């Protein structure tokens, strides 16, 4: 009984590396499927200089649940890399920070 248990334990010990490798492959496959699903629904947004955009409102700008979720319009003054943009108010005042494209949407008047 003890010998059989020891033999089974040795066999399981030998198969441990294979089981780990199989698990790693399954996790990588799952990550690829999730990435593909996410990227298939992603709508990339790129803005040009002088485009009119609206930006997502900060939580402190929301007075209640019926407050507008977007503020603006603003004008894009500079397109930086990785989807970052500098904005200005239509009257000409620059906004001091950059905004990511995920927090912006086109303004249609």
C-alpha atoms as a PDB file:
ATOM      1  CA  UNK A   1       0.000   0.000   0.000  1.00  0.00           C
ATOM      2  CA  UNK A   2       2.736   2.436   0.962  1.00  0.00           C
ATOM      3  CA  UNK A   3       4.846   1.394  -2.029  1.00  0.00           C
ATOM      4  CA  UNK A   4       1.939   1.987  -4.413  1.00  0.00           C
ATOM      5  CA  UNK A   5       1.365   5.399  -2.901  1.00  0.00           C
ATOM      6  CA  UNK A   6       5.036   6.291  -3.292  1.00  0.00           C
ATOM      7  CA  UNK A   7       5.015   5.126  -6.924  1.00  0.00           C
ATOM      8  CA  UNK A   8       1.944   7.227  -7.691  1.00  0.00           C
ATOM      9  CA  UNK A   9       3.522  10.219  -6.009  1.00  0.00           C
ATOM     10  CA  UNK A  10       6.691   9.821  -8.129  1.00  0.00           C
ATOM     11  CA  UNK A  11       4.598   9.559 -11.300  1.00  0.00           C
ATOM     12  CA  UNK A  12       2.668  12.692 -10.335  1.00  0.00           C
ATOM     13  CA  UNK A  13       5.949  14.441  -9.572  1.00  0.00           C
ATOM     14  CA  UNK A  14       7.261  13.540 -13.033  1.00  0.00           C
ATOM     15  CA  UNK A  15       4.071  14.808 -14.689  1.00  0.00           C
ATOM     16  CA  UNK A  16       4.063  18.081 -12.753  1.00  0.00           C
ATOM     17  CA  UNK A  17       6.206  19.974 -15.291  1.00  0.00           C
ATOM     18  CA  UNK A  18       4.014  18.791 -18.153  1.00  0.00           C
ATOM     19  CA  UNK A  19       0.876  19.870 -16.312  1.00  0.00           C
ATOM     20  CA  UNK A  20       2.381  23.304 -15.613  1.00  0.00           C
ATOM     21  CA  UNK A  21       3.335  23.718 -19.287  1.00  0.00           C
ATOM     22  CA  UNK A  22      -0.157  22.691 -20.381  1.00  0.00           C
ATOM     23  CA  UNK A  23      -1.705  25.179 -17.961  1.00  0.00           C
ATOM     24  CA  UNK A  24       0.573  27.965 -19.220  1.00  0.00           C
ATOM     25  CA  UNK A  25      -0.449  27.234 -22.822  1.00  0.00           C
ATOM     26  CA  UNK A  26      -4.141  27.341 -21.862  1.00  0.00           C
ATOM     27  CA  UNK A  27      -3.705  30.662 -20.056  1.00  0.00           C
ATOM     28  CA  UNK A  28      -1.892  32.170 -23.065  1.00  0.00           C
ATOM     29  CA  UNK A  29      -4.662  30.976 -25.395  1.00  0.00           C
ATOM     30  CA  UNK A  30      -7.287  32.514 -23.114  1.00  0.00           C
ATOM     31  CA  UNK A  31      -5.407  35.835 -23.052  1.00  0.00           C
ATOM     32  CA  UNK A  32      -5.271  35.846 -26.863  1.00  0.00           C
ATOM     33  CA  UNK A  33      -9.020  35.216 -27.113  1.00  0.00           C
ATOM     34  CA  UNK A  34      -9.809  37.983 -24.626  1.00  0.00           C
ATOM     35  CA  UNK A  35      -7.471  40.394 -26.443  1.00  0.00           C
ATOM     36  CA  UNK A  36      -9.046  39.567 -29.814  1.00  0.00           C
ATOM     37  CA  UNK A  37     -12.569  40.084 -28.432  1.00  0.00           C
ATOM     38  CA  UNK A  38     -11.609  43.418 -26.856  1.00  0.00           C
ATOM     39  CA  UNK A  39      -9.829  44.704 -29.960  1.00  0.00           C
ATOM     40  CA  UNK A  40     -12.707  43.690 -32.235  1.00  0.00           C
ATOM     41  CA  UNK A  41     -15.040  46.034 -30.331  1.00  0.00           C
ATOM     42  CA  UNK A  42     -12.543  48.848 -29.885  1.00  0.00           C
ATOM     43  CA  UNK A  43     -13.239  51.992 -31.900  1.00  0.00           C
ATOM     44  CA  UNK A  44      -9.981  53.878 -32.336  1.00  0.00           C
ATOM     45  CA  UNK A  45     -10.376  57.641 -32.287  1.00  0.00           C
ATOM     46  CA  UNK A  46      -7.918  60.023 -33.835  1.00  0.00           C
ATOM     47  CA  UNK A  47      -8.380  63.759 -33.892  1.00  0.00           C
ATOM     48  CA  UNK A  48      -6.686  66.333 -36.086  1.00  0.00           C
ATOM     49  CA  UNK A  49      -5.554  69.814 -35.094  1.00  0.00           C
ATOM     50  CA  UNK A  50      -8.537  72.241 -35.143  1.00  0.00           C
ATOM     51  CA  UNK A  51     -11.135  69.478 -34.658  1.00  0.00           C
ATOM     52  CA  UNK A  52     -13.938  70.318 -32.252  1.00  0.00           C
ATOM     53  CA  UNK A  53     -14.267  67.810 -29.429  1.00  0.00           C
ATOM     54  CA  UNK A  54     -16.136  67.292 -26.178  1.00  0.00           C
ATOM     55  CA  UNK A  55     -14.433  65.898 -23.107  1.00  0.00           C
ATOM     56  CA  UNK A  56     -15.760  63.633 -20.399  1.00  0.00           C
ATOM     57  CA  UNK A  57     -16.917  65.569 -17.341  1.00  0.00           C
ATOM     58  CA  UNK A  58     -15.045  65.167 -14.064  1.00  0.00           C
ATOM     59  CA  UNK A  59     -17.007  63.606 -11.208  1.00  0.00           C
ATOM     60  CA  UNK A  60     -16.945  66.920  -9.317  1.00  0.00           C
ATOM     61  CA  UNK A  61     -18.678  68.576 -12.294  1.00  0.00           C
ATOM     62  CA  UNK A  62     -21.607  66.164 -12.014  1.00  0.00           C
ATOM     63  CA  UNK A  63     -24.163  67.626  -9.625  1.00  0.00           C
ATOM     64  CA  UNK A  64     -26.615  64.733  -9.930  1.00  0.00           C
ATOM     65  CA  UNK A  65     -27.321  61.754 -12.150  1.00  0.00           C
ATOM     66  CA  UNK A  66     -29.046  63.936 -14.760  1.00  0.00           C
ATOM     67  CA  UNK A  67     -26.064  66.278 -15.215  1.00  0.00           C
ATOM     68  CA  UNK A  68     -24.430  66.272 -18.659  1.00  0.00           C
ATOM     69  CA  UNK A  69     -21.670  63.661 -18.883  1.00  0.00           C
ATOM     70  CA  UNK A  70     -19.681  65.617 -21.502  1.00  0.00           C
ATOM     71  CA  UNK A  71     -18.464  69.234 -21.484  1.00  0.00           C
ATOM     72  CA  UNK A  72     -17.361  71.383 -24.354  1.00  0.00           C
ATOM     73  CA  UNK A  73     -16.859  72.091 -27.176  1.00  0.00           C
ATOM     74  CA  UNK A  74     -13.069  72.467 -27.216  1.00  0.00           C
ATOM     75  CA  UNK A  75     -10.589  72.783 -30.054  1.00  0.00           C
ATOM     76  CA  UNK A  76      -7.622  70.425 -30.490  1.00  0.00           C
ATOM     77  CA  UNK A  77      -4.422  72.478 -30.610  1.00  0.00           C
ATOM     78  CA  UNK A  78      -1.803  69.730 -30.650  1.00  0.00           C
ATOM     79  CA  UNK A  79      -1.827  65.996 -31.250  1.00  0.00           C
ATOM     80  CA  UNK A  80       0.804  64.241 -29.146  1.00  0.00           C
ATOM     81  CA  UNK A  81       1.764  60.576 -29.308  1.00  0.00           C
ATOM     82  CA  UNK A  82      -0.190  57.630 -27.869  1.00  0.00           C
ATOM     83  CA  UNK A  83      -3.576  59.328 -28.215  1.00  0.00           C
ATOM     84  CA  UNK A  84      -2.840  62.403 -26.082  1.00  0.00           C
ATOM     85  CA  UNK A  85      -4.142  65.817 -27.132  1.00  0.00           C
ATOM     86  CA  UNK A  86      -3.858  69.412 -25.979  1.00  0.00           C
ATOM     87  CA  UNK A  87      -7.093  71.384 -25.991  1.00  0.00           C
ATOM     88  CA  UNK A  88      -8.172  74.990 -25.850  1.00  0.00           C
ATOM     89  CA  UNK A  89     -11.413  76.778 -25.176  1.00  0.00           C
ATOM     90  CA  UNK A  90     -13.036  78.170 -28.328  1.00  0.00           C
ATOM     91  CA  UNK A  91     -12.319  81.722 -27.148  1.00  0.00           C
ATOM     92  CA  UNK A  92      -8.606  80.921 -27.191  1.00  0.00           C
ATOM     93  CA  UNK A  93      -7.680  79.986 -23.603  1.00  0.00           C
ATOM     94  CA  UNK A  94      -5.451  76.918 -23.381  1.00  0.00           C
ATOM     95  CA  UNK A  95      -6.326  74.068 -21.033  1.00  0.00           C
ATOM     96  CA  UNK A  96      -3.263  73.270 -18.881  1.00  0.00           C
ATOM     97  CA  UNK A  97      -3.227  69.467 -19.124  1.00  0.00           C
ATOM     98  CA  UNK A  98      -3.378  66.859 -21.872  1.00  0.00           C
ATOM     99  CA  UNK A  99      -6.355  64.617 -22.566  1.00  0.00           C
ATOM    100  CA  UNK A 100      -6.428  61.033 -23.794  1.00  0.00           C
ATOM    101  CA  UNK A 101      -8.579  60.092 -26.793  1.00  0.00           C
ATOM    102  CA  UNK A 102     -10.664  57.759 -24.609  1.00  0.00           C
ATOM    103  CA  UNK A 103     -11.944  60.834 -22.731  1.00  0.00           C
ATOM    104  CA  UNK A 104     -12.775  62.780 -25.901  1.00  0.00           C
ATOM    105  CA  UNK A 105     -15.402  62.509 -28.601  1.00  0.00           C
ATOM    106  CA  UNK A 106     -16.184  64.520 -31.715  1.00  0.00           C
ATOM    107  CA  UNK A 107     -18.421  67.546 -31.349  1.00  0.00           C
ATOM    108  CA  UNK A 108     -21.070  67.871 -34.037  1.00  0.00           C
ATOM    109  CA  UNK A 109     -22.800  71.217 -34.142  1.00  0.00           C
END
